[in-house]
Amino acid sequence: METTACFPLLLLICSLSTAQLQTESDNDIIPQGKQTESQGREPTNASHHQQTCTQDINAVLREMSAALGEQRVETRHLQRENEAQAAKLRELEMQKTEVDKLKQQLQAKLEMQKTEADKLKQQLQAQAAELISMRARTNVTENQVEALKRDGEVKQVAFSASLLASGSGTVGPFNTHTTLVFRYVVTNIGNAYNPNTGFFIAPVRGAYHFELYIGAHGSASHASGAVLVKNGEHIFIAWEHQTSGYGSSANGATLLLEVGDVVFLRQWVNTRIFDNENHHSTFSGHLLFTI
């Protein structure tokens, strides 16, 4: 930039010097008659101005040379900085490439680990399913063996129980169906009835007969009722509702039971059941014959 600015200055100086020399030359023209007188005098000012112009040109050239030298130094400095920046940029690009490679490797490794984890999970699930199947088969085998043993040993099954173990009272009402536990056991041949749970569990495959008797004092808002249940399925219900006095209901059923089938009574929602020392509410059953 400094060198470019020096050229117009140089041209301006040369133009001014040339014009001044031309003017002085014109002033120095004398009549022809006086040329003889002027001969032998000292040189005119043109020579002096020409020398001054030359000195100015040399000074400008020196300044331009100095400025050009500084620009060359600055240019070399900028080139070195550019080369350093370019080297850093190449290094950063190489680092980015390495990071990208590592990222891709890590992603591939994670995908492989995920695939292996999925395979392991599937294997574990398959093993768990197989284990459950084996346990089920084992249970079936054990039940069959137990059934054969019981079929050979147990030929007679019968039970009868009333609701309360002692005293007098009313059970319910409840806001949901509730399992009844008949705690006062009169008969339990074969020990198939459990007075702690209220469940009768068939010890052998065969036909069984069950009877239920349910009673309660009259109430305007609550009836009395219970249902015979086999393995969670409602079979028959005993139901009575009267506003005064004492009312009772009864029902019975003959069921084909497999070994391990469960039979019990379930109190109906929002009902009441009464029992006392006279054992009004009872649950009974017995094996008719094996099959």
C-alpha atoms as a PDB file:
ATOM      1  CA  MET A   1       0.000   0.000   0.000  1.00  0.00           C
ATOM      2  CA  GLU A   2       2.789   2.479   0.894  1.00  0.00           C
ATOM      3  CA  THR A   3       4.660   1.711  -2.352  1.00  0.00           C
ATOM      4  CA  THR A   4       1.583   2.343  -4.469  1.00  0.00           C
ATOM      5  CA  ALA A   5       1.047   5.720  -2.763  1.00  0.00           C
ATOM      6  CA  CYS A   6       4.647   6.805  -3.498  1.00  0.00           C
ATOM      7  CA  PHE A   7       4.281   6.610  -7.310  1.00  0.00           C
ATOM      8  CA  PRO A   8       1.759   9.480  -7.615  1.00  0.00           C
ATOM      9  CA  LEU A   9       3.957  11.574  -5.323  1.00  0.00           C
ATOM     10  CA  LEU A  10       6.990  10.895  -7.493  1.00  0.00           C
ATOM     11  CA  LEU A  11       5.109  11.848 -10.652  1.00  0.00           C
ATOM     12  CA  LEU A  12       3.856  15.055  -9.013  1.00  0.00           C
ATOM     13  CA  ILE A  13       7.385  16.085  -7.986  1.00  0.00           C
ATOM     14  CA  CYS A  14       8.773  15.415 -11.465  1.00  0.00           C
ATOM     15  CA  SER A  15       5.949  17.383 -13.112  1.00  0.00           C
ATOM     16  CA  LEU A  16       6.492  20.421 -10.848  1.00  0.00           C
ATOM     17  CA  SER A  17      10.231  20.353 -11.364  1.00  0.00           C
ATOM     18  CA  THR A  18       9.853  20.110 -15.125  1.00  0.00           C
ATOM     19  CA  ALA A  19       7.395  23.017 -15.233  1.00  0.00           C
ATOM     20  CA  GLN A  20       9.639  25.193 -13.108  1.00  0.00           C
ATOM     21  CA  LEU A  21      12.628  24.449 -15.306  1.00  0.00           C
ATOM     22  CA  GLN A  22      10.608  25.289 -18.415  1.00  0.00           C
ATOM     23  CA  THR A  23       9.548  28.654 -16.930  1.00  0.00           C
ATOM     24  CA  GLU A  24      13.028  29.611 -15.941  1.00  0.00           C
ATOM     25  CA  SER A  25      14.358  28.608 -19.345  1.00  0.00           C
ATOM     26  CA  ASP A  26      11.819  30.897 -20.967  1.00  0.00           C
ATOM     27  CA  ASN A  27      12.844  33.787 -18.709  1.00  0.00           C
ATOM     28  CA  ASP A  28      16.467  33.271 -19.549  1.00  0.00           C
ATOM     29  CA  ILE A  29      15.920  33.865 -23.324  1.00  0.00           C
ATOM     30  CA  ILE A  30      17.566  37.230 -24.233  1.00  0.00           C
ATOM     31  CA  PRO A  31      17.806  39.222 -27.443  1.00  0.00           C
ATOM     32  CA  GLN A  32      20.244  38.050 -29.983  1.00  0.00           C
ATOM     33  CA  GLY A  33      22.239  41.179 -29.599  1.00  0.00           C
ATOM     34  CA  LYS A  34      22.851  40.566 -26.002  1.00  0.00           C
ATOM     35  CA  GLN A  35      23.931  36.951 -26.390  1.00  0.00           C
ATOM     36  CA  THR A  36      27.496  38.061 -26.557  1.00  0.00           C
ATOM     37  CA  GLU A  37      27.210  39.749 -23.249  1.00  0.00           C
ATOM     38  CA  SER A  38      25.741  36.744 -21.631  1.00  0.00           C
ATOM     39  CA  GLN A  39      28.488  34.476 -22.774  1.00  0.00           C
ATOM     40  CA  GLY A  40      30.972  33.719 -20.114  1.00  0.00           C
ATOM     41  CA  ARG A  41      28.453  34.114 -17.262  1.00  0.00           C
ATOM     42  CA  GLU A  42      27.764  31.405 -14.616  1.00  0.00           C
ATOM     43  CA  PRO A  43      25.198  28.650 -15.431  1.00  0.00           C
ATOM     44  CA  THR A  44      21.523  29.528 -14.953  1.00  0.00           C
ATOM     45  CA  ASN A  45      19.199  28.218 -12.236  1.00  0.00           C
ATOM     46  CA  ALA A  46      18.019  25.351 -14.528  1.00  0.00           C
ATOM     47  CA  SER A  47      21.025  23.301 -13.622  1.00  0.00           C
ATOM     48  CA  HIS A  48      20.369  23.874  -9.949  1.00  0.00           C
ATOM     49  CA  HIS A  49      16.710  22.819 -10.182  1.00  0.00           C
ATOM     50  CA  GLN A  50      17.557  19.749 -12.176  1.00  0.00           C
ATOM     51  CA  GLN A  51      19.922  18.714  -9.429  1.00  0.00           C
ATOM     52  CA  THR A  52      17.236  19.344  -6.778  1.00  0.00           C
ATOM     53  CA  CYS A  53      14.689  17.248  -8.675  1.00  0.00           C
ATOM     54  CA  THR A  54      17.159  14.417  -8.945  1.00  0.00           C
ATOM     55  CA  GLN A  55      17.772  14.549  -5.200  1.00  0.00           C
ATOM     56  CA  ASP A  56      14.028  14.517  -4.491  1.00  0.00           C
ATOM     57  CA  ILE A  57      13.567  11.543  -6.784  1.00  0.00           C
ATOM     58  CA  ASN A  58      16.363   9.709  -5.043  1.00  0.00           C
ATOM     59  CA  ALA A  59      14.809  10.485  -1.642  1.00  0.00           C
ATOM     60  CA  VAL A  60      11.440   9.191  -2.770  1.00  0.00           C
ATOM     61  CA  LEU A  61      13.064   6.080  -4.205  1.00  0.00           C
ATOM     62  CA  ARG A  62      14.833   5.464  -0.913  1.00  0.00           C
ATOM     63  CA  GLU A  63      11.569   5.815   0.972  1.00  0.00           C
ATOM     64  CA  MET A  64       9.893   3.497  -1.476  1.00  0.00           C
ATOM     65  CA  SER A  65      12.704   0.953  -1.110  1.00  0.00           C
ATOM     66  CA  ALA A  66      12.438   1.116   2.687  1.00  0.00           C
ATOM     67  CA  ALA A  67       8.653   0.730   2.555  1.00  0.00           C
ATOM     68  CA  LEU A  68       9.000  -2.145   0.114  1.00  0.00           C
ATOM     69  CA  GLY A  69      11.468  -3.837   2.436  1.00  0.00           C
ATOM     70  CA  GLU A  70       9.108  -3.476   5.381  1.00  0.00           C
ATOM     71  CA  GLN A  71       6.275  -4.908   3.331  1.00  0.00           C
ATOM     72  CA  ARG A  72       8.433  -7.872   2.352  1.00  0.00           C
ATOM     73  CA  VAL A  73       9.255  -8.505   6.011  1.00  0.00           C
ATOM     74  CA  GLU A  74       5.586  -8.213   6.949  1.00  0.00           C
ATOM     75  CA  THR A  75       4.620 -10.469   4.061  1.00  0.00           C
ATOM     76  CA  ARG A  76       7.087 -13.156   5.176  1.00  0.00           C
ATOM     77  CA  HIS A  77       5.722 -12.848   8.737  1.00  0.00           C
ATOM     78  CA  LEU A  78       2.153 -13.252   7.501  1.00  0.00           C
ATOM     79  CA  GLN A  79       3.196 -16.222   5.355  1.00  0.00           C
ATOM     80  CA  ARG A  80       4.764 -17.890   8.393  1.00  0.00           C
ATOM     81  CA  GLU A  81       1.596 -17.235  10.431  1.00  0.00           C
ATOM     82  CA  ASN A  82      -0.569 -18.603   7.615  1.00  0.00           C
ATOM     83  CA  GLU A  83       1.585 -21.712   7.404  1.00  0.00           C
ATOM     84  CA  ALA A  84       1.340 -22.170  11.188  1.00  0.00           C
ATOM     85  CA  GLN A  85      -2.441 -21.743  11.063  1.00  0.00           C
ATOM     86  CA  ALA A  86      -2.676 -24.166   8.162  1.00  0.00           C
ATOM     87  CA  ALA A  87      -0.615 -26.711  10.120  1.00  0.00           C
ATOM     88  CA  LYS A  88      -2.891 -26.290  13.131  1.00  0.00           C
ATOM     89  CA  LEU A  89      -5.943 -26.672  10.901  1.00  0.00           C
ATOM     90  CA  ARG A  90      -4.533 -29.878   9.397  1.00  0.00           C
ATOM     91  CA  GLU A  91      -3.806 -31.157  12.898  1.00  0.00           C
ATOM     92  CA  LEU A  92      -7.371 -30.352  14.028  1.00  0.00           C
ATOM     93  CA  GLU A  93      -8.783 -32.078  10.951  1.00  0.00           C
ATOM     94  CA  MET A  94      -6.675 -35.146  11.721  1.00  0.00           C
ATOM     95  CA  GLN A  95      -7.871 -35.108  15.336  1.00  0.00           C
ATOM     96  CA  LYS A  96     -11.477 -34.783  14.145  1.00  0.00           C
ATOM     97  CA  THR A  97     -10.958 -37.718  11.804  1.00  0.00           C
ATOM     98  CA  GLU A  98      -9.561 -39.785  14.680  1.00  0.00           C
ATOM     99  CA  VAL A  99     -12.470 -38.776  16.923  1.00  0.00           C
ATOM    100  CA  ASP A 100     -14.939 -39.743  14.195  1.00  0.00           C
ATOM    101  CA  LYS A 101     -13.233 -43.115  13.809  1.00  0.00           C
ATOM    102  CA  LEU A 102     -13.309 -43.701  17.565  1.00  0.00           C
ATOM    103  CA  LYS A 103     -16.971 -42.676  17.653  1.00  0.00           C
ATOM    104  CA  GLN A 104     -17.816 -45.108  14.868  1.00  0.00           C
ATOM    105  CA  GLN A 105     -15.876 -47.876  16.602  1.00  0.00           C
ATOM    106  CA  LEU A 106     -17.647 -47.146  19.882  1.00  0.00           C
ATOM    107  CA  GLN A 107     -21.055 -47.159  18.183  1.00  0.00           C
ATOM    108  CA  ALA A 108     -20.252 -50.441  16.475  1.00  0.00           C
ATOM    109  CA  LYS A 109     -19.113 -51.914  19.793  1.00  0.00           C
ATOM    110  CA  LEU A 110     -22.279 -50.723  21.525  1.00  0.00           C
ATOM    111  CA  GLU A 111     -24.401 -52.232  18.751  1.00  0.00           C
ATOM    112  CA  MET A 112     -22.568 -55.527  19.149  1.00  0.00           C
ATOM    113  CA  GLN A 113     -23.022 -55.456  22.915  1.00  0.00           C
ATOM    114  CA  LYS A 114     -26.720 -54.653  22.481  1.00  0.00           C
ATOM    115  CA  THR A 115     -27.094 -57.541  20.053  1.00  0.00           C
ATOM    116  CA  GLU A 116     -25.323 -59.875  22.467  1.00  0.00           C
ATOM    117  CA  ALA A 117     -27.509 -58.621  25.328  1.00  0.00           C
ATOM    118  CA  ASP A 118     -30.659 -59.238  23.265  1.00  0.00           C
ATOM    119  CA  LYS A 119     -29.481 -62.744  22.429  1.00  0.00           C
ATOM    120  CA  LEU A 120     -28.681 -63.420  26.082  1.00  0.00           C
ATOM    121  CA  LYS A 121     -32.080 -62.072  27.110  1.00  0.00           C
ATOM    122  CA  GLN A 122     -33.816 -64.332  24.602  1.00  0.00           C
ATOM    123  CA  GLN A 123     -31.805 -67.303  25.843  1.00  0.00           C
ATOM    124  CA  LEU A 124     -32.710 -66.519  29.443  1.00  0.00           C
ATOM    125  CA  GLN A 125     -36.372 -66.161  28.508  1.00  0.00           C
ATOM    126  CA  ALA A 126     -36.269 -69.469  26.671  1.00  0.00           C
ATOM    127  CA  GLN A 127     -34.557 -71.131  29.632  1.00  0.00           C
ATOM    128  CA  ALA A 128     -37.109 -69.641  32.012  1.00  0.00           C
ATOM    129  CA  ALA A 129     -39.958 -70.907  29.837  1.00  0.00           C
ATOM    130  CA  GLU A 130     -38.363 -74.340  29.692  1.00  0.00           C
ATOM    131  CA  LEU A 131     -37.908 -74.317  33.468  1.00  0.00           C
ATOM    132  CA  ILE A 132     -41.564 -73.386  33.970  1.00  0.00           C
ATOM    133  CA  SER A 133     -42.575 -76.173  31.584  1.00  0.00           C
ATOM    134  CA  MET A 134     -40.381 -78.658  33.438  1.00  0.00           C
ATOM    135  CA  ARG A 135     -41.848 -77.594  36.769  1.00  0.00           C
ATOM    136  CA  ALA A 136     -45.355 -77.938  35.377  1.00  0.00           C
ATOM    137  CA  ARG A 137     -44.584 -81.430  34.081  1.00  0.00           C
ATOM    138  CA  THR A 138     -42.998 -82.300  37.404  1.00  0.00           C
ATOM    139  CA  ASN A 139     -46.050 -81.050  39.274  1.00  0.00           C
ATOM    140  CA  VAL A 140     -48.332 -83.042  37.005  1.00  0.00           C
ATOM    141  CA  THR A 141     -46.236 -86.137  37.571  1.00  0.00           C
ATOM    142  CA  GLU A 142     -46.214 -85.571  41.318  1.00  0.00           C
ATOM    143  CA  ASN A 143     -49.970 -84.999  41.304  1.00  0.00           C
ATOM    144  CA  GLN A 144     -50.471 -88.175  39.308  1.00  0.00           C
ATOM    145  CA  VAL A 145     -48.324 -90.166  41.709  1.00  0.00           C
ATOM    146  CA  GLU A 146     -50.120 -88.615  44.670  1.00  0.00           C
ATOM    147  CA  ALA A 147     -53.460 -89.337  43.028  1.00  0.00           C
ATOM    148  CA  LEU A 148     -52.513 -92.969  42.499  1.00  0.00           C
ATOM    149  CA  LYS A 149     -51.417 -93.224  46.115  1.00  0.00           C
ATOM    150  CA  ARG A 150     -54.596 -91.601  47.385  1.00  0.00           C
ATOM    151  CA  ASP A 151     -56.735 -93.602  45.026  1.00  0.00           C
ATOM    152  CA  GLY A 152     -55.227 -96.687  46.514  1.00  0.00           C
ATOM    153  CA  GLU A 153     -55.497 -95.488  50.101  1.00  0.00           C
ATOM    154  CA  VAL A 154     -58.482 -93.129  50.264  1.00  0.00           C
ATOM    155  CA  LYS A 155     -61.772 -94.771  49.474  1.00  0.00           C
ATOM    156  CA  GLN A 156     -64.059 -92.722  51.709  1.00  0.00           C
ATOM    157  CA  VAL A 157     -64.301 -88.912  51.968  1.00  0.00           C
ATOM    158  CA  ALA A 158     -66.945 -86.959  53.903  1.00  0.00           C
ATOM    159  CA  PHE A 159     -67.146 -83.747  55.951  1.00  0.00           C
ATOM    160  CA  SER A 160     -69.700 -81.497  57.659  1.00  0.00           C
ATOM    161  CA  ALA A 161     -69.122 -78.144  59.423  1.00  0.00           C
ATOM    162  CA  SER A 162     -71.059 -75.118  60.712  1.00  0.00           C
ATOM    163  CA  LEU A 163     -70.091 -71.459  60.372  1.00  0.00           C
ATOM    164  CA  LEU A 164     -69.123 -70.355  63.913  1.00  0.00           C
ATOM    165  CA  ALA A 165     -66.698 -72.285  66.068  1.00  0.00           C
ATOM    166  CA  SER A 166     -68.626 -71.213  69.177  1.00  0.00           C
ATOM    167  CA  GLY A 167     -71.133 -68.644  70.429  1.00  0.00           C
ATOM    168  CA  SER A 168     -73.717 -66.740  68.428  1.00  0.00           C
ATOM    169  CA  GLY A 169     -73.335 -64.034  65.822  1.00  0.00           C
ATOM    170  CA  THR A 170     -73.890 -62.646  62.332  1.00  0.00           C
ATOM    171  CA  VAL A 171     -71.267 -62.564  59.585  1.00  0.00           C
ATOM    172  CA  GLY A 172     -71.461 -59.618  57.162  1.00  0.00           C
ATOM    173  CA  PRO A 173     -72.545 -57.628  55.360  1.00  0.00           C
ATOM    174  CA  PHE A 174     -69.468 -57.018  53.192  1.00  0.00           C
ATOM    175  CA  ASN A 175     -69.071 -54.768  50.136  1.00  0.00           C
ATOM    176  CA  THR A 176     -67.665 -57.639  48.081  1.00  0.00           C
ATOM    177  CA  HIS A 177     -68.023 -61.416  47.768  1.00  0.00           C
ATOM    178  CA  THR A 178     -66.212 -63.037  50.707  1.00  0.00           C
ATOM    179  CA  THR A 179     -64.979 -66.599  51.282  1.00  0.00           C
ATOM    180  CA  LEU A 180     -66.807 -68.359  54.142  1.00  0.00           C
ATOM    181  CA  VAL A 181     -64.794 -70.425  56.608  1.00  0.00           C
ATOM    182  CA  PHE A 182     -66.878 -73.029  58.455  1.00  0.00           C
ATOM    183  CA  ARG A 183     -64.883 -73.551  61.623  1.00  0.00           C
ATOM    184  CA  TYR A 184     -67.029 -75.952  63.685  1.00  0.00           C
ATOM    185  CA  VAL A 185     -66.165 -79.332  62.169  1.00  0.00           C
ATOM    186  CA  VAL A 186     -68.447 -82.245  62.937  1.00  0.00           C
ATOM    187  CA  THR A 187     -67.038 -84.764  60.481  1.00  0.00           C
ATOM    188  CA  ASN A 188     -63.868 -84.724  58.324  1.00  0.00           C
ATOM    189  CA  ILE A 189     -63.221 -88.241  57.021  1.00  0.00           C
ATOM    190  CA  GLY A 190     -60.167 -88.212  54.792  1.00  0.00           C
ATOM    191  CA  ASN A 191     -59.202 -84.699  56.043  1.00  0.00           C
ATOM    192  CA  ALA A 192     -60.089 -83.147  52.674  1.00  0.00           C
ATOM    193  CA  TYR A 193     -61.767 -80.123  54.304  1.00  0.00           C
ATOM    194  CA  ASN A 194     -59.586 -77.396  55.891  1.00  0.00           C
ATOM    195  CA  PRO A 195     -61.338 -75.467  58.713  1.00  0.00           C
ATOM    196  CA  ASN A 196     -58.676 -72.734  58.553  1.00  0.00           C
ATOM    197  CA  THR A 197     -59.288 -71.808  54.911  1.00  0.00           C
ATOM    198  CA  GLY A 198     -62.793 -73.136  54.268  1.00  0.00           C
ATOM    199  CA  PHE A 199     -61.513 -75.076  51.230  1.00  0.00           C
ATOM    200  CA  PHE A 200     -62.392 -78.655  50.328  1.00  0.00           C
ATOM    201  CA  ILE A 201     -59.655 -80.172  48.117  1.00  0.00           C
ATOM    202  CA  ALA A 202     -60.529 -83.357  46.247  1.00  0.00           C
ATOM    203  CA  PRO A 203     -58.080 -86.125  47.213  1.00  0.00           C
ATOM    204  CA  VAL A 204     -59.156 -88.473  44.413  1.00  0.00           C
ATOM    205  CA  ARG A 205     -60.897 -88.197  41.086  1.00  0.00           C
ATOM    206  CA  GLY A 206     -64.576 -88.922  41.482  1.00  0.00           C
ATOM    207  CA  ALA A 207     -68.131 -87.716  41.926  1.00  0.00           C
ATOM    208  CA  TYR A 208     -68.823 -85.614  45.046  1.00  0.00           C
ATOM    209  CA  HIS A 209     -72.049 -84.282  46.499  1.00  0.00           C
ATOM    210  CA  PHE A 210     -72.207 -80.973  48.407  1.00  0.00           C
ATOM    211  CA  GLU A 211     -74.977 -79.268  50.417  1.00  0.00           C
ATOM    212  CA  LEU A 212     -75.238 -75.778  51.916  1.00  0.00           C
ATOM    213  CA  TYR A 213     -77.724 -74.286  54.380  1.00  0.00           C
ATOM    214  CA  ILE A 214     -77.761 -70.521  55.003  1.00  0.00           C
ATOM    215  CA  GLY A 215     -79.964 -68.499  57.386  1.00  0.00           C
ATOM    216  CA  ALA A 216     -80.307 -65.012  58.902  1.00  0.00           C
ATOM    217  CA  HIS A 217     -82.770 -62.805  60.783  1.00  0.00           C
ATOM    218  CA  GLY A 218     -84.971 -60.625  58.597  1.00  0.00           C
ATOM    219  CA  SER A 219     -83.725 -57.217  57.470  1.00  0.00           C
ATOM    220  CA  ALA A 220     -85.165 -54.597  55.158  1.00  0.00           C
ATOM    221  CA  SER A 221     -81.772 -53.816  53.578  1.00  0.00           C
ATOM    222  CA  HIS A 222     -79.842 -57.096  53.750  1.00  0.00           C
ATOM    223  CA  ALA A 223     -80.634 -60.567  52.479  1.00  0.00           C
ATOM    224  CA  SER A 224     -78.826 -63.818  53.282  1.00  0.00           C
ATOM    225  CA  GLY A 225     -77.025 -65.736  50.597  1.00  0.00           C
ATOM    226  CA  ALA A 226     -74.015 -67.866  49.665  1.00  0.00           C
ATOM    227  CA  VAL A 227     -72.817 -69.529  46.464  1.00  0.00           C
ATOM    228  CA  LEU A 228     -71.130 -72.891  45.920  1.00  0.00           C
ATOM    229  CA  VAL A 229     -67.797 -72.325  44.113  1.00  0.00           C
ATOM    230  CA  LYS A 230     -65.660 -74.837  42.197  1.00  0.00           C
ATOM    231  CA  ASN A 231     -62.171 -73.615  41.246  1.00  0.00           C
ATOM    232  CA  GLY A 232     -63.427 -70.007  41.216  1.00  0.00           C
ATOM    233  CA  GLU A 233     -66.593 -70.804  39.213  1.00  0.00           C
ATOM    234  CA  HIS A 234     -69.994 -70.081  40.753  1.00  0.00           C
ATOM    235  CA  ILE A 235     -72.112 -73.257  40.662  1.00  0.00           C
ATOM    236  CA  PHE A 236     -75.343 -72.912  42.753  1.00  0.00           C
ATOM    237  CA  ILE A 237     -76.579 -70.208  45.128  1.00  0.00           C
ATOM    238  CA  ALA A 238     -78.697 -70.300  48.283  1.00  0.00           C
ATOM    239  CA  TRP A 239     -80.618 -67.011  48.732  1.00  0.00           C
ATOM    240  CA  GLU A 240     -83.291 -65.652  51.095  1.00  0.00           C
ATOM    241  CA  HIS A 241     -84.554 -62.131  51.818  1.00  0.00           C
ATOM    242  CA  GLN A 242     -87.327 -61.219  54.265  1.00  0.00           C
ATOM    243  CA  THR A 243     -87.848 -58.103  56.324  1.00  0.00           C
ATOM    244  CA  SER A 244     -88.756 -59.827  59.644  1.00  0.00           C
ATOM    245  CA  GLY A 245     -88.456 -63.143  61.464  1.00  0.00           C
ATOM    246  CA  TYR A 246     -85.853 -65.713  60.561  1.00  0.00           C
ATOM    247  CA  GLY A 247     -85.338 -67.015  57.049  1.00  0.00           C
ATOM    248  CA  SER A 248     -83.153 -69.731  55.595  1.00  0.00           C
ATOM    249  CA  SER A 249     -82.249 -71.163  52.203  1.00  0.00           C
ATOM    250  CA  ALA A 250     -80.488 -74.300  50.955  1.00  0.00           C
ATOM    251  CA  ASN A 251     -79.020 -75.800  47.826  1.00  0.00           C
ATOM    252  CA  GLY A 252     -76.850 -78.726  46.736  1.00  0.00           C
ATOM    253  CA  ALA A 253     -74.897 -80.108  43.769  1.00  0.00           C
ATOM    254  CA  THR A 254     -73.058 -83.221  42.614  1.00  0.00           C
ATOM    255  CA  LEU A 255     -69.723 -82.408  40.981  1.00  0.00           C
ATOM    256  CA  LEU A 256     -67.112 -84.363  39.071  1.00  0.00           C
ATOM    257  CA  LEU A 257     -63.805 -83.378  40.623  1.00  0.00           C
ATOM    258  CA  GLU A 258     -60.248 -84.022  39.557  1.00  0.00           C
ATOM    259  CA  VAL A 259     -57.463 -84.452  42.069  1.00  0.00           C
ATOM    260  CA  GLY A 260     -56.673 -81.043  43.554  1.00  0.00           C
ATOM    261  CA  ASP A 261     -59.959 -79.341  42.565  1.00  0.00           C
ATOM    262  CA  VAL A 262     -61.121 -76.840  45.196  1.00  0.00           C
ATOM    263  CA  VAL A 263     -64.721 -76.388  46.402  1.00  0.00           C
ATOM    264  CA  PHE A 264     -65.860 -73.735  48.913  1.00  0.00           C
ATOM    265  CA  LEU A 265     -68.696 -71.353  49.784  1.00  0.00           C
ATOM    266  CA  ARG A 266     -68.596 -67.632  49.044  1.00  0.00           C
ATOM    267  CA  GLN A 267     -70.846 -65.157  50.888  1.00  0.00           C
ATOM    268  CA  TRP A 268     -72.758 -62.916  48.498  1.00  0.00           C
ATOM    269  CA  VAL A 269     -72.014 -59.200  48.545  1.00  0.00           C
ATOM    270  CA  ASN A 270     -74.108 -57.095  50.994  1.00  0.00           C
ATOM    271  CA  THR A 271     -75.667 -60.115  52.702  1.00  0.00           C
ATOM    272  CA  ARG A 272     -75.736 -61.415  56.300  1.00  0.00           C
ATOM    273  CA  ILE A 273     -75.415 -64.997  57.621  1.00  0.00           C
ATOM    274  CA  PHE A 274     -76.362 -66.038  61.157  1.00  0.00           C
ATOM    275  CA  ASP A 275     -75.124 -68.955  63.261  1.00  0.00           C
ATOM    276  CA  ASN A 276     -75.112 -70.029  66.888  1.00  0.00           C
ATOM    277  CA  GLU A 277     -74.804 -73.128  69.074  1.00  0.00           C
ATOM    278  CA  ASN A 278     -77.667 -74.755  67.148  1.00  0.00           C
ATOM    279  CA  HIS A 279     -75.615 -74.559  63.912  1.00  0.00           C
ATOM    280  CA  HIS A 280     -78.111 -73.024  61.490  1.00  0.00           C
ATOM    281  CA  SER A 281     -75.613 -72.366  58.677  1.00  0.00           C
ATOM    282  CA  THR A 282     -73.668 -75.412  57.480  1.00  0.00           C
ATOM    283  CA  PHE A 283     -71.537 -76.781  54.645  1.00  0.00           C
ATOM    284  CA  SER A 284     -71.270 -80.534  53.941  1.00  0.00           C
ATOM    285  CA  GLY A 285     -69.900 -82.849  51.264  1.00  0.00           C
ATOM    286  CA  HIS A 286     -68.870 -86.450  50.588  1.00  0.00           C
ATOM    287  CA  LEU A 287     -67.393 -88.685  47.912  1.00  0.00           C
ATOM    288  CA  LEU A 288     -70.024 -90.705  46.056  1.00  0.00           C
ATOM    289  CA  PHE A 289     -67.578 -92.883  44.088  1.00  0.00           C
ATOM    290  CA  THR A 290     -64.190 -92.687  42.393  1.00  0.00           C
ATOM    291  CA  ILE A 291     -63.764 -92.625  38.662  1.00  0.00           C
END
